[in-house]
Amino acid sequence: MLEGITMLLDNLQETEEDAIGKYALRKLRNVSDHRVVTFCSHWHEECEILYVLSGQLDVVCESEHIKCMPGDLIFIQSKALHSGISGENGCDYYGLLFKWSDIITSAPYEKQFVDDIIDGKCSVQTLIHDEKATELFLKLFSSPKGDGVVHMFTERAATYNLLAYLFGQHMVEKQGKFGENKKFNMVIQYINDHFLEPITTDDVAQKFSYSKAYFCRLFKQHMSISPIEYINLLRIERAQKLIKEGKMTFSQIASECGFNSLSYFSSTFKKYIRKSPAVWKEEFLMNNIQKWEAIDKKS
């Protein structure tokens, strides 16, 4: 979604540096054992390739809504707004991030190719289920850590092999640019800044001079969910964090997260997480107790 994105979506840019990878790549692993918002809407300069090891990961990338199962690769273009929520039984996935400027040289033809990718004229399809692609990804992801020029060249060569295969077998050509609707980017920014407040679909539509009907159609086109569903997902993500901290009652959490009643908070939580807040909290605590017991046994 994006020219001028640095100014429009500063609060959505992912800046967390918890990944590993010293050279051109950043590698990460995310594991959840219950239904949870694994990453709320954000973007970053890097391209990202996700690989689902187990469970289910529901991803919204630009206007695509994808259910990703074990063995699936998800290709997320640079600066594409994306979010994800794990399945009911959690999800285990790898993430691989890289910048085109770190991979491609400044040769004229390669620069033109990168410009076409950035302009959205060509890309790799978002969802990929391909054994060869999986093999190349896992080989790159599992390469041992190391220092020096040999490791740098080895990692770069493996990256080229993966990208060459993906663009050779799964390239798609598009018209227009990613996120050409800059006004819609401002809508997302506004919601992310104010979702804890009692905002409604009418409020947001009016603020940005849309009719409610057109705004709802536009939002569904971009995000694959309705505006109120998106607001509620942000609120539920926040609620899960507060439940984990264990410092507030459910009534306090409901109020803190923008819900006007405990019953509405509970029904909304159950709609998205498929468990009541009390059951989800109990399972979260039980899972953590079991993990600590396992650690104690090992030590």
Protein backbone atom coordinates (compact mmCIF):
# COMPACT_ATOMS: atom_id res chain seq x y z
CA MET A 1 0.00 0.00 0.00
CA LEU A 2 2.49 2.89 -0.73
CA GLU A 3 4.39 6.03 -1.94
CA GLY A 4 5.33 8.27 0.97
CA ILE A 5 4.83 5.30 3.27
CA THR A 6 7.44 6.44 5.79
CA MET A 7 5.30 9.45 6.65
CA LEU A 8 1.94 7.71 6.35
CA LEU A 9 2.63 4.49 8.20
CA ASP A 10 5.51 5.11 10.60
CA ASN A 11 3.68 3.38 13.43
CA LEU A 12 3.16 0.28 11.31
CA GLN A 13 6.77 -0.16 10.28
CA GLU A 14 8.30 -3.21 11.91
CA THR A 15 11.52 -2.23 13.64
CA GLU A 16 11.97 -5.16 16.02
CA GLU A 17 15.41 -6.70 15.60
CA ASP A 18 14.91 -10.07 17.24
CA ALA A 19 15.92 -12.09 14.20
CA ILE A 20 19.23 -13.79 13.48
CA GLY A 21 21.36 -13.35 10.38
CA LYS A 22 24.52 -11.30 10.01
CA TYR A 23 24.67 -10.72 6.26
CA ALA A 24 21.94 -10.20 3.68
CA LEU A 25 19.29 -12.22 5.52
CA ARG A 26 17.29 -12.01 8.72
CA LYS A 27 15.91 -15.30 9.99
CA LEU A 28 13.25 -15.78 12.62
CA ARG A 29 11.03 -18.48 14.10
CA ASN A 30 7.65 -17.92 15.73
CA VAL A 31 5.88 -20.60 17.77
CA SER A 32 2.42 -20.39 19.37
CA ASP A 33 0.41 -23.23 20.88
CA HIS A 34 -2.98 -21.52 20.86
CA ARG A 35 -5.00 -19.16 18.67
CA VAL A 36 -3.40 -15.74 18.87
CA VAL A 37 -2.74 -12.69 16.70
CA THR A 38 0.85 -13.55 15.74
CA PHE A 39 1.57 -10.25 14.00
CA CYS A 40 -0.78 -7.31 13.63
CA SER A 41 -0.80 -5.20 10.47
CA HIS A 42 2.69 -3.87 9.74
CA TRP A 43 5.16 -3.43 6.91
CA HIS A 44 8.91 -3.41 6.46
CA GLU A 45 11.45 -2.59 3.79
CA GLU A 46 12.46 -6.23 3.45
CA CYS A 47 10.72 -8.90 1.42
CA GLU A 48 9.61 -11.76 3.64
CA ILE A 49 9.11 -15.44 2.97
CA LEU A 50 7.22 -17.45 5.58
CA TYR A 51 7.15 -21.23 5.82
CA VAL A 52 4.55 -23.00 7.95
CA LEU A 53 5.99 -25.97 9.84
CA SER A 54 2.86 -26.98 11.74
CA GLY A 55 -0.60 -25.68 12.61
CA GLN A 56 -2.37 -23.02 10.59
CA LEU A 57 -1.54 -19.38 9.88
CA ASP A 58 -4.22 -17.06 8.50
CA VAL A 59 -2.48 -14.22 6.65
CA VAL A 60 -3.90 -11.02 5.18
CA CYS A 61 -1.44 -9.49 2.70
CA GLU A 62 -2.61 -6.38 0.88
CA SER A 63 -6.04 -7.53 -0.39
CA GLU A 64 -5.41 -11.29 -0.18
CA HIS A 65 -6.72 -13.43 2.68
CA ILE A 66 -4.84 -16.74 2.79
CA LYS A 67 -5.14 -19.83 4.97
CA CYS A 68 -1.62 -21.28 5.19
CA MET A 69 -1.11 -24.90 6.11
CA PRO A 70 2.04 -26.96 6.84
CA GLY A 71 4.32 -26.99 3.81
CA ASP A 72 3.05 -23.67 2.46
CA LEU A 73 5.37 -20.79 1.59
CA ILE A 74 4.06 -17.21 1.70
CA PHE A 75 5.91 -14.55 -0.28
CA ILE A 76 5.36 -11.02 1.10
CA GLN A 77 6.59 -8.18 -1.08
CA SER A 78 8.60 -5.25 0.27
CA LYS A 79 6.39 -2.60 1.92
CA ALA A 80 3.27 -4.75 1.68
CA LEU A 81 0.93 -4.34 4.63
CA HIS A 82 0.33 -7.75 6.20
CA SER A 83 -1.02 -9.39 9.34
CA GLY A 84 -1.47 -12.92 10.65
CA ILE A 85 -3.34 -14.95 13.23
CA SER A 86 -2.50 -18.52 14.19
CA GLY A 87 -5.01 -21.35 14.00
CA GLU A 88 -6.97 -22.68 16.97
CA ASN A 89 -4.15 -25.04 17.93
CA GLY A 90 -1.37 -22.54 17.29
CA CYS A 91 1.25 -22.35 14.59
CA ASP A 92 4.98 -22.88 14.11
CA TYR A 93 6.62 -21.03 11.23
CA TYR A 94 9.93 -19.75 9.89
CA GLY A 95 10.44 -16.27 8.49
CA LEU A 96 13.18 -15.17 6.10
CA LEU A 97 13.66 -11.45 5.34
CA PHE A 98 15.94 -9.69 2.86
CA LYS A 99 16.28 -6.35 1.09
CA TRP A 100 16.54 -6.28 -2.68
CA SER A 101 19.34 -3.72 -2.36
CA ASP A 102 21.39 -6.32 -0.44
CA ILE A 103 20.76 -9.06 -3.02
CA ILE A 104 20.80 -7.39 -6.44
CA THR A 105 23.76 -5.47 -7.88
CA SER A 106 23.62 -1.99 -9.39
CA ALA A 107 23.91 -3.31 -12.96
CA PRO A 108 21.37 -1.52 -15.21
CA TYR A 109 19.33 -4.62 -16.09
CA GLU A 110 19.16 -5.78 -12.47
CA LYS A 111 18.22 -2.29 -11.30
CA GLN A 112 15.37 -2.21 -13.83
CA PHE A 113 14.18 -5.58 -12.57
CA VAL A 114 14.14 -4.35 -8.97
CA ASP A 115 12.32 -1.17 -10.05
CA ASP A 116 9.66 -3.33 -11.72
CA ILE A 117 9.27 -5.37 -8.53
CA ILE A 118 9.01 -2.27 -6.35
CA ASP A 119 6.51 -0.72 -8.79
CA GLY A 120 4.43 -3.88 -8.56
CA LYS A 121 4.79 -4.84 -12.22
CA CYS A 122 6.01 -8.30 -11.32
CA SER A 123 6.28 -10.39 -8.19
CA VAL A 124 6.03 -13.93 -6.90
CA GLN A 125 2.56 -15.28 -6.15
CA THR A 126 1.75 -14.95 -2.48
CA LEU A 127 0.86 -18.57 -1.64
CA ILE A 128 3.22 -21.30 -2.88
CA HIS A 129 2.94 -25.04 -2.35
CA ASP A 130 5.93 -26.53 -4.14
CA GLU A 131 8.26 -29.24 -2.83
CA LYS A 132 11.30 -27.90 -4.71
CA ALA A 133 10.73 -24.38 -3.39
CA THR A 134 10.37 -25.78 0.13
CA GLU A 135 13.62 -27.73 -0.25
CA LEU A 136 15.52 -24.61 -1.37
CA PHE A 137 13.99 -22.51 1.42
CA LEU A 138 14.82 -24.98 4.18
CA LYS A 139 18.34 -25.43 2.85
CA LEU A 140 18.87 -21.68 3.02
CA PHE A 141 17.17 -21.30 6.39
CA SER A 142 19.08 -24.13 8.03
CA SER A 143 22.50 -23.06 6.77
CA PRO A 144 24.89 -22.91 9.74
CA LYS A 145 25.85 -19.57 11.26
CA GLY A 146 29.28 -18.36 10.40
CA ASP A 147 31.56 -15.43 9.76
CA GLY A 148 33.76 -14.41 6.89
CA VAL A 149 33.58 -14.22 3.15
CA VAL A 150 32.89 -17.94 2.61
CA HIS A 151 29.69 -17.83 4.66
CA MET A 152 28.63 -14.60 2.95
CA PHE A 153 29.01 -16.10 -0.54
CA THR A 154 27.38 -19.39 0.47
CA GLU A 155 24.35 -17.61 1.90
CA ARG A 156 24.06 -15.31 -1.11
CA ALA A 157 24.31 -18.22 -3.56
CA ALA A 158 21.57 -20.13 -1.74
CA THR A 159 19.40 -17.01 -1.79
CA TYR A 160 19.89 -16.63 -5.55
CA ASN A 161 18.94 -20.28 -6.07
CA LEU A 162 15.70 -19.84 -4.13
CA LEU A 163 14.73 -16.56 -5.82
CA ALA A 164 15.64 -17.86 -9.29
CA TYR A 165 13.36 -20.83 -8.78
CA LEU A 166 10.49 -18.76 -7.34
CA PHE A 167 10.59 -16.20 -10.15
CA GLY A 168 11.04 -18.94 -12.75
CA GLN A 169 8.09 -21.02 -11.56
CA HIS A 170 5.77 -18.67 -9.67
CA MET A 171 6.21 -15.16 -11.09
CA VAL A 172 3.10 -13.08 -11.72
CA GLU A 173 2.84 -9.83 -13.66
CA LYS A 174 0.62 -7.06 -12.38
CA GLN A 175 -0.60 -3.67 -13.44
CA GLY A 176 -0.29 -0.61 -11.25
CA LYS A 177 1.56 -0.20 -7.98
CA PHE A 178 1.28 -1.82 -4.59
CA GLY A 179 -0.84 0.33 -2.34
CA GLU A 180 -1.66 3.00 -4.88
CA ASN A 181 -4.50 4.24 -2.66
CA LYS A 182 -2.56 6.51 -0.30
CA LYS A 183 -5.71 7.73 1.37
CA PHE A 184 -6.53 4.21 2.49
CA ASN A 185 -3.11 3.96 4.13
CA MET A 186 -4.04 6.94 6.25
CA VAL A 187 -7.27 5.16 7.25
CA ILE A 188 -5.31 2.15 8.51
CA GLN A 189 -2.90 4.43 10.37
CA TYR A 190 -5.81 6.24 12.03
CA ILE A 191 -7.45 3.00 13.16
CA ASN A 192 -4.17 1.66 14.54
CA ASP A 193 -3.71 4.87 16.52
CA HIS A 194 -7.26 5.00 17.91
CA PHE A 195 -8.62 1.43 18.15
CA LEU A 196 -8.68 1.55 21.97
CA GLU A 197 -11.08 4.47 21.78
CA PRO A 198 -14.84 3.99 21.16
CA ILE A 199 -14.53 4.51 17.39
CA THR A 200 -17.07 3.09 14.94
CA THR A 201 -17.22 2.43 11.21
CA ASP A 202 -19.35 5.57 10.84
CA ASP A 203 -16.73 7.65 12.68
CA VAL A 204 -13.88 6.53 10.43
CA ALA A 205 -15.89 6.83 7.21
CA GLN A 206 -17.00 10.35 8.12
CA LYS A 207 -13.50 11.45 9.11
CA PHE A 208 -12.14 10.49 5.69
CA SER A 209 -15.17 11.75 3.73
CA TYR A 210 -16.43 8.34 2.60
CA SER A 211 -19.99 7.14 2.55
CA LYS A 212 -20.35 4.23 4.98
CA ALA A 213 -21.32 1.77 2.22
CA TYR A 214 -18.38 2.72 -0.03
CA PHE A 215 -15.95 2.72 2.87
CA CYS A 216 -16.98 -0.80 3.91
CA ARG A 217 -16.58 -2.08 0.33
CA LEU A 218 -13.17 -0.40 -0.01
CA PHE A 219 -11.96 -1.77 3.32
CA LYS A 220 -13.08 -5.31 2.51
CA GLN A 221 -11.33 -5.06 -0.88
CA HIS A 222 -8.02 -4.10 0.75
CA MET A 223 -8.10 -6.10 3.98
CA SER A 224 -10.50 -9.01 3.25
CA ILE A 225 -12.39 -8.22 6.47
CA SER A 226 -14.80 -5.48 7.52
CA PRO A 227 -13.66 -2.32 9.39
CA ILE A 228 -15.25 -3.43 12.67
CA GLU A 229 -13.66 -6.88 12.37
CA TYR A 230 -10.26 -5.24 11.93
CA ILE A 231 -10.83 -2.95 14.93
CA ASN A 232 -11.91 -5.93 17.02
CA LEU A 233 -8.85 -7.94 15.99
CA LEU A 234 -6.60 -5.13 17.22
CA ARG A 235 -8.55 -4.98 20.47
CA ILE A 236 -8.41 -8.74 20.99
CA GLU A 237 -4.65 -8.75 20.35
CA ARG A 238 -4.29 -6.10 23.05
CA ALA A 239 -6.58 -8.05 25.38
CA GLN A 240 -4.47 -11.19 24.98
CA LYS A 241 -1.38 -9.27 26.03
CA LEU A 242 -3.15 -7.89 29.11
CA ILE A 243 -4.45 -11.35 30.06
CA LYS A 244 -0.91 -12.73 29.85
CA GLU A 245 0.33 -9.97 32.17
CA GLY A 246 -2.26 -11.05 34.75
CA LYS A 247 -2.62 -7.63 36.40
CA MET A 248 -6.21 -6.76 35.44
CA THR A 249 -9.66 -8.32 35.76
CA PHE A 250 -11.64 -9.20 32.64
CA SER A 251 -13.91 -6.19 33.25
CA GLN A 252 -10.89 -3.88 33.42
CA ILE A 253 -9.42 -5.44 30.27
CA ALA A 254 -12.72 -5.03 28.42
CA SER A 255 -12.83 -1.34 29.31
CA GLU A 256 -9.13 -0.82 28.53
CA CYS A 257 -9.53 -2.40 25.08
CA GLY A 258 -12.49 -0.30 23.97
CA PHE A 259 -15.39 -2.67 24.65
CA ASN A 260 -18.46 -1.10 26.22
CA SER A 261 -19.40 -4.18 28.24
CA LEU A 262 -17.87 -7.38 29.60
CA SER A 263 -20.42 -9.51 27.75
CA TYR A 264 -19.58 -7.90 24.39
CA PHE A 265 -15.86 -8.36 25.08
CA SER A 266 -16.39 -12.04 25.96
CA SER A 267 -18.53 -12.78 22.89
CA THR A 268 -16.09 -10.97 20.59
CA PHE A 269 -13.10 -12.76 22.09
CA LYS A 270 -14.81 -16.12 21.61
CA LYS A 271 -15.74 -15.24 18.02
CA TYR A 272 -12.11 -14.69 16.99
CA ILE A 273 -10.19 -16.97 19.36
CA ARG A 274 -12.94 -19.65 19.57
CA LYS A 275 -12.53 -19.81 23.33
CA SER A 276 -13.84 -17.60 26.12
CA PRO A 277 -11.30 -15.28 27.82
CA ALA A 278 -11.43 -17.44 30.96
CA VAL A 279 -10.75 -20.70 29.10
CA TRP A 280 -8.00 -19.09 27.00
CA LYS A 281 -6.33 -17.72 30.16
CA GLU A 282 -6.55 -21.10 31.90
CA GLU A 283 -4.98 -22.88 28.90
CA PHE A 284 -2.26 -20.23 28.62
CA LEU A 285 -1.35 -20.61 32.29
CA MET A 286 -1.45 -24.41 32.08
CA ASN A 287 0.81 -24.43 29.01
CA ASN A 288 3.34 -22.23 30.78
CA ILE A 289 3.28 -24.39 33.93
CA GLN A 290 3.95 -27.46 31.79
CA LYS A 291 6.84 -25.71 30.05
CA TRP A 292 8.42 -24.73 33.37
CA GLU A 293 7.98 -28.26 34.71
CA ALA A 294 9.69 -29.63 31.61
CA ILE A 295 12.57 -27.18 32.08
CA ASP A 296 12.88 -28.17 35.77
CA LYS A 297 13.06 -31.86 34.85
CA LYS A 298 15.83 -31.22 32.34
CA SER A 299 17.84 -29.21 34.86
